C-alpha cells in the first residue's frame, strides 16, 4: 500500500489503474468524521494506491475523480461541448424525439418539487 502525497499523481495513477484492469479494480472511500480524515483507495489485487487528507479543499477534486471513474465504469463518454453556433447535434436530436413523443410529462406529488406539509403535534 502506497500513500501518494500529490493529488494530481493520485488521480492519474487511479485512472490508469482502472483503465488497465477495469474488471478487477475496486475503489474504496473512507471518511472518519471524528478525525476529519478522508482516505481514498483503489486496487486491482496487485497494485494498491491510497491517498489521505485532512483538508476539505480536496472535496471538489474528489468529486471530479468520482465522476470520471463513474463515467469509465458505466462506459459513457462525457457530454459533448456546445458548438459556437448553439446547441450540439445530439441535443437537437433528443429534443426532436422528445417533442414527437405522445406522452406529456406531468409533475407528480412531492417528488416533483412540492413540499409535503408536516402534521401538527398532538397536545397532551
N, C-alpha and C. Protein backbone atom coordinates (compact mmCIF):
# COMPACT_ATOMS: atom_id res chain seq x y z
N UNK A 1 0.84 -1.18 0.00
CA UNK A 1 0.00 0.00 0.00
C UNK A 1 0.87 1.23 0.00
N UNK A 2 0.60 2.08 -0.95
CA UNK A 2 1.40 3.28 -1.12
C UNK A 2 0.51 4.50 -0.96
N UNK A 3 0.85 5.36 -0.03
CA UNK A 3 0.15 6.64 0.07
C UNK A 3 0.83 7.61 -0.88
N UNK A 4 0.05 8.21 -1.76
CA UNK A 4 0.59 9.20 -2.68
C UNK A 4 0.30 10.57 -2.10
N UNK A 5 1.31 11.43 -2.03
CA UNK A 5 1.17 12.73 -1.39
C UNK A 5 0.49 13.75 -2.30
N UNK A 6 0.72 13.69 -3.59
CA UNK A 6 0.18 14.67 -4.53
C UNK A 6 -1.15 14.20 -5.09
N UNK A 7 -2.15 15.09 -5.09
CA UNK A 7 -3.47 14.74 -5.62
C UNK A 7 -3.40 14.42 -7.11
N UNK A 8 -2.68 15.23 -7.86
CA UNK A 8 -2.59 15.04 -9.31
C UNK A 8 -2.00 13.66 -9.64
N UNK A 9 -0.96 13.28 -8.93
CA UNK A 9 -0.36 11.96 -9.15
C UNK A 9 -1.35 10.85 -8.80
N UNK A 10 -2.09 11.02 -7.69
CA UNK A 10 -3.06 10.00 -7.30
C UNK A 10 -4.16 9.86 -8.34
N UNK A 11 -4.67 10.98 -8.82
CA UNK A 11 -5.75 10.95 -9.80
C UNK A 11 -5.30 10.24 -11.09
N UNK A 12 -4.13 10.59 -11.58
CA UNK A 12 -3.60 9.96 -12.79
C UNK A 12 -3.36 8.46 -12.57
N UNK A 13 -2.77 8.12 -11.41
CA UNK A 13 -2.49 6.71 -11.12
C UNK A 13 -3.79 5.91 -10.96
N UNK A 14 -4.80 6.51 -10.33
CA UNK A 14 -6.07 5.82 -10.14
C UNK A 14 -6.77 5.58 -11.47
N UNK A 15 -6.80 6.58 -12.33
CA UNK A 15 -7.44 6.42 -13.64
C UNK A 15 -6.67 5.41 -14.50
N UNK A 16 -5.34 5.45 -14.45
CA UNK A 16 -4.54 4.48 -15.20
C UNK A 16 -4.75 3.06 -14.69
N UNK A 17 -4.82 2.91 -13.38
CA UNK A 17 -5.03 1.59 -12.79
C UNK A 17 -6.39 1.04 -13.21
N UNK A 18 -7.41 1.88 -13.22
CA UNK A 18 -8.73 1.41 -13.62
C UNK A 18 -8.78 1.06 -15.11
N UNK A 19 -8.16 1.89 -15.96
CA UNK A 19 -8.20 1.60 -17.39
C UNK A 19 -7.38 0.34 -17.72
N UNK A 20 -6.34 0.06 -16.90
CA UNK A 20 -5.51 -1.12 -17.13
C UNK A 20 -6.28 -2.41 -16.85
N UNK A 21 -7.06 -2.43 -15.77
CA UNK A 21 -7.82 -3.63 -15.43
C UNK A 21 -9.19 -3.25 -14.85
N UNK A 22 -10.14 -2.90 -15.72
CA UNK A 22 -11.45 -2.44 -15.23
C UNK A 22 -12.28 -3.53 -14.55
N UNK A 23 -12.05 -4.79 -14.88
CA UNK A 23 -12.85 -5.87 -14.27
C UNK A 23 -12.38 -6.23 -12.87
N UNK A 24 -11.14 -5.93 -12.53
CA UNK A 24 -10.59 -6.29 -11.22
C UNK A 24 -10.49 -5.10 -10.27
N UNK A 25 -10.51 -3.89 -10.79
CA UNK A 25 -10.26 -2.71 -9.96
C UNK A 25 -11.41 -2.46 -8.99
N UNK A 26 -11.04 -2.09 -7.77
CA UNK A 26 -12.01 -1.72 -6.73
C UNK A 26 -11.62 -0.35 -6.19
N UNK A 27 -12.64 0.45 -5.85
CA UNK A 27 -12.43 1.81 -5.38
C UNK A 27 -13.14 1.95 -4.05
N UNK A 28 -12.41 2.39 -3.04
CA UNK A 28 -12.96 2.48 -1.69
C UNK A 28 -12.77 3.89 -1.14
N UNK A 29 -13.79 4.40 -0.48
CA UNK A 29 -13.75 5.73 0.13
C UNK A 29 -14.03 5.57 1.61
N UNK A 30 -13.17 6.11 2.46
CA UNK A 30 -13.38 6.06 3.90
C UNK A 30 -13.36 7.48 4.45
N UNK A 31 -14.36 7.80 5.27
CA UNK A 31 -14.44 9.11 5.89
C UNK A 31 -14.59 8.90 7.39
N UNK A 32 -13.69 9.51 8.15
CA UNK A 32 -13.77 9.46 9.61
C UNK A 32 -14.10 10.87 10.10
N UNK A 33 -15.34 11.06 10.48
CA UNK A 33 -15.76 12.40 10.89
C UNK A 33 -15.11 12.83 12.20
N UNK A 34 -14.81 11.87 13.08
CA UNK A 34 -14.19 12.23 14.35
C UNK A 34 -12.80 12.82 14.14
N UNK A 35 -12.09 12.34 13.12
CA UNK A 35 -10.75 12.85 12.83
C UNK A 35 -10.76 13.85 11.68
N UNK A 36 -11.84 13.90 10.91
CA UNK A 36 -11.89 14.75 9.73
C UNK A 36 -10.96 14.25 8.64
N UNK A 37 -10.85 12.93 8.54
CA UNK A 37 -9.89 12.32 7.61
C UNK A 37 -10.62 11.63 6.48
N UNK A 38 -10.14 11.86 5.25
CA UNK A 38 -10.67 11.21 4.06
C UNK A 38 -9.57 10.33 3.47
N UNK A 39 -9.87 9.04 3.27
CA UNK A 39 -8.91 8.11 2.68
C UNK A 39 -9.53 7.50 1.44
N UNK A 40 -8.85 7.63 0.31
CA UNK A 40 -9.29 7.04 -0.95
C UNK A 40 -8.34 5.91 -1.29
N UNK A 41 -8.90 4.79 -1.75
CA UNK A 41 -8.06 3.63 -2.06
C UNK A 41 -8.58 2.98 -3.33
N UNK A 42 -7.67 2.67 -4.25
CA UNK A 42 -8.03 1.93 -5.44
C UNK A 42 -7.01 0.81 -5.61
N UNK A 43 -7.54 -0.39 -5.91
CA UNK A 43 -6.66 -1.55 -6.01
C UNK A 43 -7.17 -2.50 -7.09
N UNK A 44 -6.25 -3.29 -7.62
CA UNK A 44 -6.62 -4.36 -8.56
C UNK A 44 -6.00 -5.69 -8.11
N UNK A 45 -5.79 -5.86 -6.83
CA UNK A 45 -5.22 -7.04 -6.18
C UNK A 45 -3.71 -7.17 -6.35
N UNK A 46 -3.11 -6.48 -7.29
CA UNK A 46 -1.65 -6.49 -7.41
C UNK A 46 -1.06 -5.15 -7.03
N UNK A 47 -1.78 -4.08 -7.34
CA UNK A 47 -1.33 -2.72 -7.04
C UNK A 47 -2.37 -2.05 -6.16
N UNK A 48 -1.92 -1.39 -5.12
CA UNK A 48 -2.82 -0.68 -4.21
C UNK A 48 -2.31 0.76 -4.06
N UNK A 49 -3.18 1.72 -4.35
CA UNK A 49 -2.82 3.14 -4.28
C UNK A 49 -3.76 3.81 -3.30
N UNK A 50 -3.21 4.60 -2.38
CA UNK A 50 -4.02 5.28 -1.38
C UNK A 50 -3.68 6.77 -1.33
N UNK A 51 -4.68 7.56 -0.95
CA UNK A 51 -4.50 8.99 -0.75
C UNK A 51 -5.22 9.37 0.53
N UNK A 52 -4.56 10.12 1.38
CA UNK A 52 -5.13 10.52 2.67
C UNK A 52 -5.02 12.03 2.82
N UNK A 53 -6.12 12.64 3.31
CA UNK A 53 -6.09 14.08 3.54
C UNK A 53 -6.98 14.45 4.72
N UNK A 54 -6.64 15.56 5.35
CA UNK A 54 -7.44 16.14 6.42
C UNK A 54 -8.07 17.45 5.96
N UNK A 55 -7.81 17.85 4.73
CA UNK A 55 -8.25 19.14 4.21
C UNK A 55 -9.57 19.02 3.46
N UNK A 56 -10.46 19.99 3.65
CA UNK A 56 -11.74 19.99 2.94
C UNK A 56 -11.59 20.55 1.53
N UNK A 57 -10.42 21.07 1.19
CA UNK A 57 -10.18 21.62 -0.14
C UNK A 57 -10.26 20.53 -1.20
N UNK A 58 -9.94 19.30 -0.83
CA UNK A 58 -9.90 18.20 -1.79
C UNK A 58 -11.28 17.65 -2.13
N UNK A 59 -12.34 18.15 -1.51
CA UNK A 59 -13.67 17.61 -1.78
C UNK A 59 -14.11 17.83 -3.22
N UNK A 60 -13.83 19.00 -3.79
CA UNK A 60 -14.19 19.23 -5.20
C UNK A 60 -13.38 18.32 -6.12
N UNK A 61 -12.12 18.16 -5.82
CA UNK A 61 -11.27 17.28 -6.63
C UNK A 61 -11.73 15.83 -6.50
N UNK A 62 -12.11 15.45 -5.30
CA UNK A 62 -12.61 14.11 -5.03
C UNK A 62 -13.89 13.86 -5.83
N UNK A 63 -14.76 14.85 -5.89
CA UNK A 63 -16.00 14.73 -6.66
C UNK A 63 -15.71 14.58 -8.15
N UNK A 64 -14.74 15.34 -8.65
CA UNK A 64 -14.37 15.24 -10.07
C UNK A 64 -13.79 13.86 -10.38
N UNK A 65 -12.97 13.31 -9.47
CA UNK A 65 -12.43 11.97 -9.67
C UNK A 65 -13.54 10.93 -9.66
N UNK A 66 -14.49 11.07 -8.75
CA UNK A 66 -15.63 10.15 -8.71
C UNK A 66 -16.40 10.18 -10.02
N UNK A 67 -16.68 11.36 -10.54
CA UNK A 67 -17.41 11.47 -11.80
C UNK A 67 -16.63 10.81 -12.94
N UNK A 68 -15.33 11.05 -12.98
CA UNK A 68 -14.50 10.47 -14.02
C UNK A 68 -14.51 8.94 -13.96
N UNK A 69 -14.33 8.40 -12.75
CA UNK A 69 -14.32 6.94 -12.60
C UNK A 69 -15.70 6.35 -12.87
N UNK A 70 -16.76 7.02 -12.46
CA UNK A 70 -18.11 6.51 -12.71
C UNK A 70 -18.42 6.49 -14.21
N UNK A 71 -17.96 7.51 -14.93
CA UNK A 71 -18.17 7.52 -16.38
C UNK A 71 -17.44 6.35 -17.03
N UNK A 72 -16.24 6.06 -16.55
CA UNK A 72 -15.49 4.93 -17.09
C UNK A 72 -16.15 3.61 -16.71
N UNK A 73 -16.68 3.53 -15.49
CA UNK A 73 -17.33 2.30 -15.06
C UNK A 73 -18.63 2.05 -15.81
N UNK A 74 -19.31 3.11 -16.19
CA UNK A 74 -20.56 2.97 -16.94
C UNK A 74 -20.32 2.92 -18.44
N UNK A 75 -19.08 3.07 -18.84
CA UNK A 75 -18.70 3.08 -20.25
C UNK A 75 -19.40 4.20 -21.01
N UNK A 76 -19.49 5.37 -20.39
CA UNK A 76 -20.11 6.53 -21.02
C UNK A 76 -19.05 7.58 -21.28
N UNK A 77 -19.28 8.33 -22.32
CA UNK A 77 -18.40 9.45 -22.63
C UNK A 77 -19.02 10.72 -22.08
N UNK A 78 -18.21 11.74 -21.75
CA UNK A 78 -18.76 12.99 -21.25
C UNK A 78 -19.63 13.64 -22.32
N UNK A 79 -20.58 14.47 -21.87
CA UNK A 79 -21.47 15.14 -22.80
C UNK A 79 -20.68 16.05 -23.73
N UNK A 80 -21.10 16.18 -25.00
CA UNK A 80 -20.35 16.99 -25.96
C UNK A 80 -20.37 18.47 -25.59
N UNK A 81 -19.32 19.15 -26.02
CA UNK A 81 -19.20 20.59 -25.77
C UNK A 81 -20.11 21.32 -26.74
N UNK A 82 -20.76 22.38 -26.27
CA UNK A 82 -21.69 23.15 -27.09
C UNK A 82 -20.91 23.86 -28.20
N UNK A 83 -21.42 23.77 -29.44
CA UNK A 83 -20.79 24.43 -30.58
C UNK A 83 -20.91 25.94 -30.45
N UNK A 84 -20.11 26.65 -31.21
CA UNK A 84 -20.13 28.11 -31.18
C UNK A 84 -21.47 28.66 -31.66
N UNK A 85 -22.16 27.93 -32.56
CA UNK A 85 -23.43 28.40 -33.10
C UNK A 85 -24.60 28.12 -32.18
N UNK A 86 -24.44 27.26 -31.23
CA UNK A 86 -25.56 26.98 -30.34
C UNK A 86 -25.53 25.57 -29.80
N UNK A 87 -26.61 24.83 -30.05
CA UNK A 87 -26.82 23.52 -29.47
C UNK A 87 -26.16 22.44 -30.32
N UNK A 88 -25.47 21.46 -29.71
CA UNK A 88 -24.87 20.38 -30.50
C UNK A 88 -25.93 19.47 -31.11
N UNK A 89 -25.52 18.69 -32.10
CA UNK A 89 -26.44 17.85 -32.85
C UNK A 89 -27.15 16.83 -31.96
N UNK A 90 -26.44 16.25 -31.00
CA UNK A 90 -27.04 15.21 -30.17
C UNK A 90 -28.19 15.77 -29.34
N UNK A 91 -28.07 17.00 -28.87
CA UNK A 91 -29.14 17.59 -28.08
C UNK A 91 -30.32 17.95 -28.98
N UNK A 92 -30.07 18.41 -30.21
CA UNK A 92 -31.15 18.71 -31.14
C UNK A 92 -31.95 17.44 -31.43
N UNK A 93 -31.25 16.31 -31.66
CA UNK A 93 -31.93 15.06 -31.93
C UNK A 93 -32.78 14.63 -30.75
N UNK A 94 -32.25 14.80 -29.54
CA UNK A 94 -33.00 14.41 -28.35
C UNK A 94 -34.25 15.28 -28.20
N UNK A 95 -34.16 16.58 -28.50
CA UNK A 95 -35.31 17.47 -28.41
C UNK A 95 -36.37 17.07 -29.43
N UNK A 96 -35.96 16.68 -30.63
CA UNK A 96 -36.91 16.29 -31.66
C UNK A 96 -37.64 15.02 -31.26
N UNK A 97 -36.92 14.04 -30.71
CA UNK A 97 -37.57 12.80 -30.30
C UNK A 97 -38.49 13.05 -29.12
N UNK A 98 -38.12 13.94 -28.24
CA UNK A 98 -38.96 14.25 -27.10
C UNK A 98 -40.24 14.95 -27.53
N UNK A 99 -40.14 15.88 -28.50
CA UNK A 99 -41.31 16.62 -28.93
C UNK A 99 -42.27 15.74 -29.73
N UNK A 100 -41.77 14.66 -30.37
CA UNK A 100 -42.62 13.78 -31.15
C UNK A 100 -43.27 12.71 -30.27
N UNK A 101 -42.92 12.64 -29.01
CA UNK A 101 -43.47 11.65 -28.11
C UNK A 101 -44.93 11.97 -27.79
N UNK A 102 -45.83 10.96 -27.77
CA UNK A 102 -47.24 11.22 -27.49
C UNK A 102 -47.50 11.49 -26.01
N UNK A 103 -46.54 11.18 -25.13
CA UNK A 103 -46.75 11.37 -23.71
C UNK A 103 -46.35 12.78 -23.28
N UNK A 104 -47.11 13.33 -22.35
CA UNK A 104 -46.81 14.65 -21.82
C UNK A 104 -46.34 14.46 -20.39
N UNK A 105 -45.16 15.00 -20.08
CA UNK A 105 -44.62 14.87 -18.73
C UNK A 105 -45.38 15.79 -17.79
N UNK A 106 -45.87 15.22 -16.68
CA UNK A 106 -46.60 16.00 -15.69
C UNK A 106 -45.97 15.75 -14.33
N UNK A 107 -45.81 16.80 -13.55
CA UNK A 107 -45.26 16.61 -12.21
C UNK A 107 -46.23 15.81 -11.35
N UNK A 108 -45.66 14.97 -10.49
CA UNK A 108 -46.49 14.13 -9.64
C UNK A 108 -46.07 14.26 -8.19
N UNK A 109 -46.85 14.90 -7.39
CA UNK A 109 -46.67 14.95 -5.94
C UNK A 109 -45.38 15.58 -5.46
N UNK A 110 -44.95 15.19 -4.25
CA UNK A 110 -43.76 15.77 -3.64
C UNK A 110 -42.47 15.52 -4.41
N UNK A 111 -42.40 14.47 -5.19
CA UNK A 111 -41.18 14.18 -5.94
C UNK A 111 -40.93 15.21 -7.02
N UNK A 112 -41.99 15.93 -7.43
CA UNK A 112 -41.84 16.92 -8.48
C UNK A 112 -41.43 18.28 -7.92
N UNK A 113 -41.07 18.34 -6.67
CA UNK A 113 -40.58 19.59 -6.11
C UNK A 113 -41.54 20.20 -5.10
N UNK A 114 -42.71 19.61 -4.93
CA UNK A 114 -43.67 20.12 -3.96
C UNK A 114 -43.19 19.83 -2.55
N UNK A 115 -43.71 20.55 -1.60
CA UNK A 115 -43.32 20.36 -0.21
C UNK A 115 -44.48 19.74 0.54
N UNK A 116 -44.22 18.66 1.21
CA UNK A 116 -45.26 17.99 1.98
C UNK A 116 -45.39 18.67 3.33
N UNK A 117 -46.62 18.99 3.72
CA UNK A 117 -46.84 19.68 4.99
C UNK A 117 -46.68 18.71 6.15
N UNK A 118 -46.11 19.22 7.24
CA UNK A 118 -45.95 18.41 8.43
C UNK A 118 -47.25 18.41 9.22
N UNK A 119 -47.52 17.28 9.86
CA UNK A 119 -48.71 17.20 10.70
C UNK A 119 -48.44 17.93 12.00
N UNK A 120 -49.45 18.63 12.54
CA UNK A 120 -49.22 19.32 13.81
C UNK A 120 -49.08 18.31 14.94
N UNK A 121 -48.32 18.68 15.97
CA UNK A 121 -48.11 17.81 17.13
C UNK A 121 -49.39 17.74 17.96
N UNK A 122 -49.65 16.58 18.53
CA UNK A 122 -50.83 16.39 19.36
C UNK A 122 -50.57 17.01 20.73
N UNK A 123 -51.61 17.66 21.25
CA UNK A 123 -51.50 18.27 22.57
C UNK A 123 -51.83 17.23 23.64
N UNK A 124 -51.09 17.28 24.75
CA UNK A 124 -51.31 16.31 25.83
C UNK A 124 -52.26 16.84 26.85
